[in-house]
Protein backbone atom coordinates (compact mmCIF):
# COMPACT_ATOMS: atom_id res chain seq x y z
CA MET A 1 0.10 -37.16 1.99
CA ASN A 2 3.14 -35.79 0.08
CA LYS A 3 5.26 -33.34 2.46
CA THR A 4 3.94 -29.74 0.87
CA LYS A 5 0.76 -30.85 1.85
CA GLU A 6 1.56 -32.21 5.25
CA ILE A 7 2.99 -28.85 5.77
CA ILE A 8 -0.46 -26.92 4.72
CA ALA A 9 -2.64 -29.18 6.98
CA LYS A 10 -0.23 -28.79 9.59
CA VAL A 11 0.05 -24.95 9.75
CA GLN A 12 -3.74 -24.92 9.16
CA ASN A 13 -4.54 -26.34 12.31
CA GLN A 14 -1.59 -24.50 14.09
CA LEU A 15 -3.54 -21.29 12.84
CA LEU A 16 -6.61 -22.27 14.24
CA GLU A 17 -5.53 -23.20 17.33
CA LEU A 18 -3.34 -19.95 17.56
CA MET A 19 -6.90 -17.95 16.65
CA GLU A 20 -8.42 -19.44 19.26
CA THR A 21 -5.92 -18.25 22.19
CA HIS A 22 -4.67 -15.13 20.92
CA GLY A 23 -6.68 -12.09 20.30
CA SER A 24 -7.03 -9.54 17.77
CA ASP A 25 -4.29 -6.76 18.93
CA TRP A 26 -2.29 -6.95 15.67
CA VAL A 27 0.59 -4.51 15.69
CA LYS A 28 2.06 -3.57 12.65
CA SER A 29 5.50 -4.42 11.80
CA TRP A 30 7.03 -1.79 10.02
CA SER A 31 7.56 2.16 10.80
CA SER A 32 5.63 4.49 9.09
CA ARG A 33 8.05 7.44 7.87
CA ALA A 34 5.99 10.81 8.01
CA VAL A 35 6.71 13.40 4.90
CA ASP A 36 8.90 15.59 6.32
CA GLY A 37 7.66 19.26 6.34
CA LEU A 38 4.39 20.25 4.65
CA PRO A 39 4.05 19.99 1.23
CA TYR A 40 5.01 22.42 -1.84
CA ASN A 41 5.46 23.13 -4.83
CA LYS A 42 8.80 21.14 -6.76
CA PHE A 43 9.22 24.32 -8.93
CA THR A 44 8.16 27.70 -7.45
CA GLY A 45 8.47 26.70 -3.75
CA THR A 46 5.08 27.69 -2.80
CA VAL A 47 4.21 25.87 0.53
CA TYR A 48 0.55 24.79 0.09
CA ASP A 49 -1.57 26.24 3.13
CA GLY A 50 -5.18 26.11 4.37
CA ILE A 51 -7.29 23.09 3.13
CA ASN A 52 -4.82 22.21 0.34
CA THR A 53 -2.17 21.22 3.90
CA PHE A 54 -4.44 18.89 4.57
CA THR A 55 -5.53 17.60 1.35
CA LEU A 56 -2.18 16.71 0.33
CA LEU A 57 -0.91 15.40 3.76
CA GLY A 58 -3.92 12.98 3.32
CA ALA A 59 -3.22 11.78 -0.21
CA SER A 60 0.40 11.04 1.10
CA HIS A 61 -0.47 9.21 3.85
CA GLU A 62 -3.38 7.35 1.74
CA ASN A 63 -0.73 6.51 -0.85
CA GLY A 64 2.39 5.83 0.84
CA TYR A 65 4.46 9.06 -0.62
CA VAL A 66 7.36 10.09 1.93
CA CYS A 67 8.38 13.18 -0.69
CA ASN A 68 6.19 16.22 -0.21
CA GLN A 69 6.86 17.57 -3.52
CA TRP A 70 3.88 18.58 -5.69
CA ALA A 71 3.45 20.31 -9.04
CA THR A 72 0.87 20.68 -11.93
CA LEU A 73 1.01 18.67 -15.09
CA LYS A 74 2.15 21.46 -16.91
CA ASN A 75 5.08 22.31 -14.15
CA TRP A 76 5.93 18.66 -14.47
CA ASN A 77 5.83 19.18 -18.22
CA ASP A 78 7.67 21.93 -18.83
CA ALA A 79 10.20 20.56 -16.66
CA GLY A 80 10.45 17.88 -19.02
CA TYR A 81 8.79 15.00 -17.31
CA GLN A 82 5.99 12.99 -17.67
CA ILE A 83 3.16 11.29 -15.15
CA LYS A 84 3.03 7.76 -14.60
CA LYS A 85 0.58 6.17 -16.91
CA GLY A 86 -2.67 5.84 -14.27
CA SER A 87 -1.92 8.21 -12.18
CA SER A 88 -4.62 10.44 -9.91
CA CYS A 89 -4.35 13.41 -9.57
CA GLU A 90 -4.65 15.62 -6.10
CA TYR A 91 -7.07 18.84 -6.28
CA ILE A 92 -5.92 22.18 -4.36
CA ILE A 93 -7.41 25.48 -4.14
CA PHE A 94 -6.21 28.81 -5.27
CA SER A 95 -7.42 31.76 -3.96
CA LYS A 96 -6.86 35.59 -4.50
CA PRO A 97 -8.47 38.59 -3.55
CA LEU A 98 -9.51 41.18 -6.78
CA LYS A 99 -10.70 44.52 -6.54
CA LYS A 100 -14.06 45.48 -8.75
CA GLU A 101 -15.61 48.89 -9.61
CA SER A 102 -19.34 48.91 -8.77
CA LYS A 103 -21.56 49.90 -11.70
CA SER A 104 -24.25 51.48 -9.81
CA GLN A 105 -23.04 52.23 -6.61
CA VAL A 106 -20.69 55.61 -6.03
CA ASP A 107 -19.13 57.16 -2.61
CA ASP A 108 -20.25 60.44 -1.29
CA ASN A 109 -17.57 61.89 -3.75
CA GLY A 110 -19.46 60.44 -7.00
CA ASP A 111 -16.37 57.93 -7.45
CA PRO A 112 -17.60 54.34 -8.20
CA ILE A 113 -17.23 52.20 -4.93
CA ILE A 114 -14.63 49.40 -4.53
CA LYS A 115 -15.61 46.14 -3.91
CA ASN A 116 -13.23 43.15 -2.71
CA TYR A 117 -14.33 39.89 -3.33
CA TRP A 118 -11.92 36.51 -3.71
CA ILE A 119 -11.62 34.26 -6.45
CA ASN A 120 -11.34 30.24 -5.99
CA GLN A 121 -9.49 28.42 -8.85
CA THR A 122 -8.86 25.01 -8.91
CA TYR A 123 -5.69 23.19 -10.01
CA ALA A 124 -4.72 19.45 -10.34
CA VAL A 125 -1.56 18.69 -9.04
CA PHE A 126 0.86 15.71 -8.52
CA ASN A 127 2.97 14.11 -6.48
CA ALA A 128 6.63 13.87 -7.17
CA GLU A 129 6.65 9.84 -6.88
CA GLN A 130 4.38 10.08 -9.48
CA VAL A 131 6.61 11.12 -12.29
CA GLU A 132 8.30 9.12 -14.48
CA GLY A 133 12.29 9.21 -14.56
CA TYR A 134 12.53 12.00 -11.31
CA GLU A 135 14.91 11.48 -8.56
CA ILE A 136 13.32 12.23 -5.92
CA GLU A 137 15.71 14.19 -3.13
CA THR A 138 15.72 12.96 -0.04
CA SER A 139 17.68 14.15 3.51
CA GLU A 140 16.41 11.24 5.31
CA PRO A 141 19.20 9.45 6.85
CA GLU A 142 20.33 6.09 6.15
CA THR A 143 18.87 3.42 8.58
CA LYS A 144 20.81 -0.02 9.18
CA SER A 145 18.09 -3.24 7.79
CA GLU A 146 17.23 -5.65 10.34
CA VAL A 147 16.43 -7.77 7.61
CA GLU A 148 18.80 -10.61 6.32
CA ILE A 149 17.82 -10.84 2.81
CA LEU A 150 16.97 -14.76 2.33
CA GLU A 151 18.28 -15.62 -1.78
CA ASN A 152 15.97 -18.77 -2.15
CA VAL A 153 13.04 -16.77 -1.15
CA GLU A 154 14.03 -13.71 -3.33
CA GLN A 155 14.17 -15.91 -6.39
CA TYR A 156 10.86 -17.69 -5.66
CA ILE A 157 9.05 -14.29 -5.87
CA LYS A 158 11.07 -13.01 -8.16
CA ASN A 159 9.94 -16.10 -10.61
CA THR A 160 6.45 -14.97 -10.51
CA GLY A 161 7.44 -11.68 -12.65
CA ALA A 162 5.24 -9.79 -10.27
CA SER A 163 5.71 -6.00 -10.13
CA ILE A 164 7.35 -5.14 -6.84
CA HIS A 165 7.67 -1.12 -5.57
CA HIS A 166 9.43 -0.47 -2.64
CA GLY A 167 9.15 2.66 -0.78
CA GLY A 168 6.39 4.43 1.46
CA SER A 169 4.62 3.55 4.17
CA ARG A 170 2.03 1.26 3.03
CA ALA A 171 2.00 -2.20 2.24
CA PHE A 172 -0.70 -3.14 -0.39
CA PHE A 173 -1.36 -4.73 -3.89
CA THR A 174 -3.16 -2.32 -6.46
CA PRO A 175 -5.34 -4.15 -8.97
CA SER A 176 -5.59 -1.04 -11.39
CA ARG A 177 -2.22 -1.17 -11.74
CA ASP A 178 -1.08 -4.69 -11.16
CA GLU A 179 1.51 -3.76 -8.43
CA ILE A 180 2.70 -4.91 -5.22
CA HIS A 181 3.49 -1.98 -3.29
CA MET A 182 6.06 -2.46 -0.29
CA PRO A 183 7.81 -0.34 2.79
CA LYS A 184 11.50 -0.73 2.41
CA PRO A 185 12.95 -3.54 4.28
CA GLU A 186 14.73 -1.32 6.49
CA GLN A 187 11.86 0.02 7.69
CA PHE A 188 10.68 -3.48 9.09
CA LYS A 189 11.42 -3.72 12.91
CA SER A 190 11.26 -7.00 15.58
CA THR A 191 8.32 -7.51 17.52
CA GLY A 192 7.37 -9.50 20.20
CA THR A 193 6.91 -12.83 18.54
CA SER A 194 8.65 -12.02 15.07
CA THR A 195 12.18 -10.71 13.45
CA ALA A 196 12.50 -8.02 11.49
CA GLN A 197 13.16 -10.35 8.67
CA VAL A 198 10.26 -12.87 9.40
CA ASN A 199 8.04 -9.74 9.29
CA TYR A 200 9.24 -8.25 6.26
CA TYR A 201 8.86 -11.44 4.33
CA GLY A 202 5.49 -12.57 5.93
CA THR A 203 4.10 -8.92 4.72
CA LEU A 204 5.54 -9.55 1.25
CA LEU A 205 4.33 -12.95 0.68
CA HIS A 206 0.96 -11.53 2.30
CA GLU A 207 0.53 -9.36 -0.90
CA LEU A 208 1.92 -11.88 -3.28
CA ILE A 209 -0.99 -13.62 -2.22
CA HIS A 210 -3.25 -11.05 -3.36
CA TRP A 211 -1.44 -10.93 -6.45
CA THR A 212 -2.47 -14.22 -7.42
CA GLY A 213 -6.15 -13.07 -7.01
CA TYR A 214 -5.90 -10.64 -10.16
CA LYS A 215 -8.36 -11.43 -12.86
CA ASP A 216 -5.84 -12.47 -15.17
CA ARG A 217 -4.59 -14.93 -12.74
CA LEU A 218 -7.06 -16.67 -10.34
CA ASN A 219 -9.84 -14.18 -10.87
CA ARG A 220 -10.56 -14.44 -6.66
CA ILE A 221 -10.48 -10.46 -5.85
CA LYS A 222 -14.03 -9.56 -5.47
CA GLY A 223 -14.20 -6.89 -2.53
CA LYS A 224 -15.02 -3.44 -3.32
CA SER A 225 -14.92 -1.38 -0.15
CA PHE A 226 -12.42 -1.66 2.70
CA GLY A 227 -13.90 -3.81 5.30
CA ASP A 228 -16.56 -5.81 3.28
CA ASN A 229 -17.12 -9.34 3.36
CA ASP A 230 -15.63 -9.83 0.45
CA TYR A 231 -12.33 -7.16 1.37
CA ALA A 232 -12.35 -9.42 4.62
CA PHE A 233 -12.33 -12.79 3.53
CA GLU A 234 -9.59 -11.83 0.93
CA GLU A 235 -7.69 -10.76 3.75
CA LEU A 236 -8.18 -14.20 5.33
CA VAL A 237 -7.02 -15.99 2.20
CA ALA A 238 -3.95 -13.87 1.84
CA GLU A 239 -2.73 -14.03 5.81
CA SER A 240 -3.58 -17.81 6.06
CA GLY A 241 -1.70 -18.08 2.65
CA SER A 242 1.29 -16.35 3.89
CA ALA A 243 1.66 -18.14 7.05
CA VAL A 244 1.75 -21.32 5.15
CA LEU A 245 4.54 -19.66 2.58
CA CYS A 246 6.82 -18.59 5.66
CA ALA A 247 6.79 -22.26 6.67
CA LEU A 248 7.07 -23.93 3.20
CA LEU A 249 10.12 -21.72 2.53
CA GLY A 250 11.70 -21.73 5.60
CA ILE A 251 11.34 -18.31 6.97
CA SER A 252 9.28 -19.21 10.09
CA ILE A 253 9.13 -22.48 11.11
CA GLU A 254 5.70 -22.43 12.12
CA PRO A 255 2.75 -19.66 12.38
CA ARG A 256 2.90 -17.05 14.62
CA PRO A 257 0.99 -15.05 16.90
CA ASP A 258 0.84 -12.91 14.65
CA HIS A 259 -0.65 -14.43 11.96
CA ALA A 260 -3.69 -15.29 14.00
CA LYS A 261 -4.39 -11.97 15.37
CA TYR A 262 -4.18 -10.46 11.99
CA LEU A 263 -7.03 -13.16 11.05
CA ASN A 264 -8.86 -12.59 14.06
CA ASN A 265 -9.28 -9.05 13.07
CA TRP A 266 -10.86 -10.09 10.24
CA ILE A 267 -12.71 -13.11 10.85
CA GLN A 268 -14.87 -10.96 13.12
CA GLY A 269 -16.32 -8.98 9.91
CA ILE A 270 -17.44 -12.20 8.43
CA LYS A 271 -20.76 -12.63 10.29
CA ASP A 272 -22.52 -15.17 7.59
CA ASN A 273 -19.91 -17.51 6.93
CA PRO A 274 -19.05 -19.61 10.00
CA ASN A 275 -16.94 -21.66 7.89
CA ALA A 276 -15.11 -18.66 6.52
CA MET A 277 -11.36 -19.83 7.92
CA ILE A 278 -11.98 -23.56 6.05
CA SER A 279 -13.02 -21.81 2.62
CA ALA A 280 -10.19 -19.36 2.87
CA PHE A 281 -7.58 -22.08 3.68
CA LYS A 282 -8.92 -24.01 0.00
CA LEU A 283 -8.20 -21.01 -1.79
CA SER A 284 -5.06 -19.68 -0.10
CA THR A 285 -3.71 -23.20 -1.24
CA LYS A 286 -4.65 -23.06 -4.48
CA ALA A 287 -2.76 -19.88 -4.45
CA ILE A 288 0.43 -21.06 -3.20
CA LYS A 289 0.04 -24.07 -6.11
CA TYR A 290 -0.45 -21.61 -8.55
CA LEU A 291 3.04 -19.54 -7.06
CA ASP A 292 4.58 -23.08 -7.01
CA ASP A 293 3.87 -24.06 -10.51
CA MET A 294 5.21 -20.42 -11.74
CA GLN A 295 8.81 -21.89 -10.35
CA SER A 296 8.50 -25.05 -12.15
CA LYS A 297 7.69 -23.44 -15.40
CA LYS A 298 10.81 -21.00 -14.67
CA LYS A 299 12.74 -23.96 -14.18
CA ALA A 300 11.43 -25.55 -17.33
CA VAL A 301 12.36 -22.75 -19.70
CA ALA A 302 16.28 -22.42 -17.78
């Protein structure tokens, strides 16, 4: 058994043991920065109120936006900007009162009765973070990062050519755009079991394993709904792969309880596959080999 296979086998065994001895109270290791203030139109300054407030704040949370500036496509285009390809809009409702004379009813003086009613119009709006080339204004204070950048890991990730975007409050891979989205390194914090550095790279490598499952690569991702069996299984693949990569790249010597707790969260949802964890190990090992092969190809080209 070569050294890589030996490390993989060791980490897998340690993970299974940790999963038996730890619960599932996994704690997110980065801070979520709330949107500063209420959503408003970038160009008119109008604050979106009523149901629009909840719609746009919900969209910001779902997409990880930290900017509260929105505007219609026409607003952005008139200002010389373009919306990023593949961006989805959010719909807001604009209500205004109108007055109309009745054609059939009159008051005591014989004058047409004036009727008051409301008209609702729907508009599609886009967040500033969906706009090409727009520099987002922020008054957010600079935060000193606890994450020490590891050059060997950065180079390993760079060699894959994965498209990675930092910002927002969520970590995820989006197959529709073939992009990885991550909170910034300074948002990561130390936990009771890991340093901020380990938490950051562990999360990034988790998303990189997801990235390998894209249709044009290993064609592994099948989950369509959050929490369904396929989704849960893919999480097992990504987190077990992250644990192994952390060991292989020297980020952490052995798997952390955090890995085990996260895995336990998802394995509970897979009732019809008692061998789910073993199957996930096989696929995460294949994903790691795929990433390792990309390193070899990069060196060959260089």
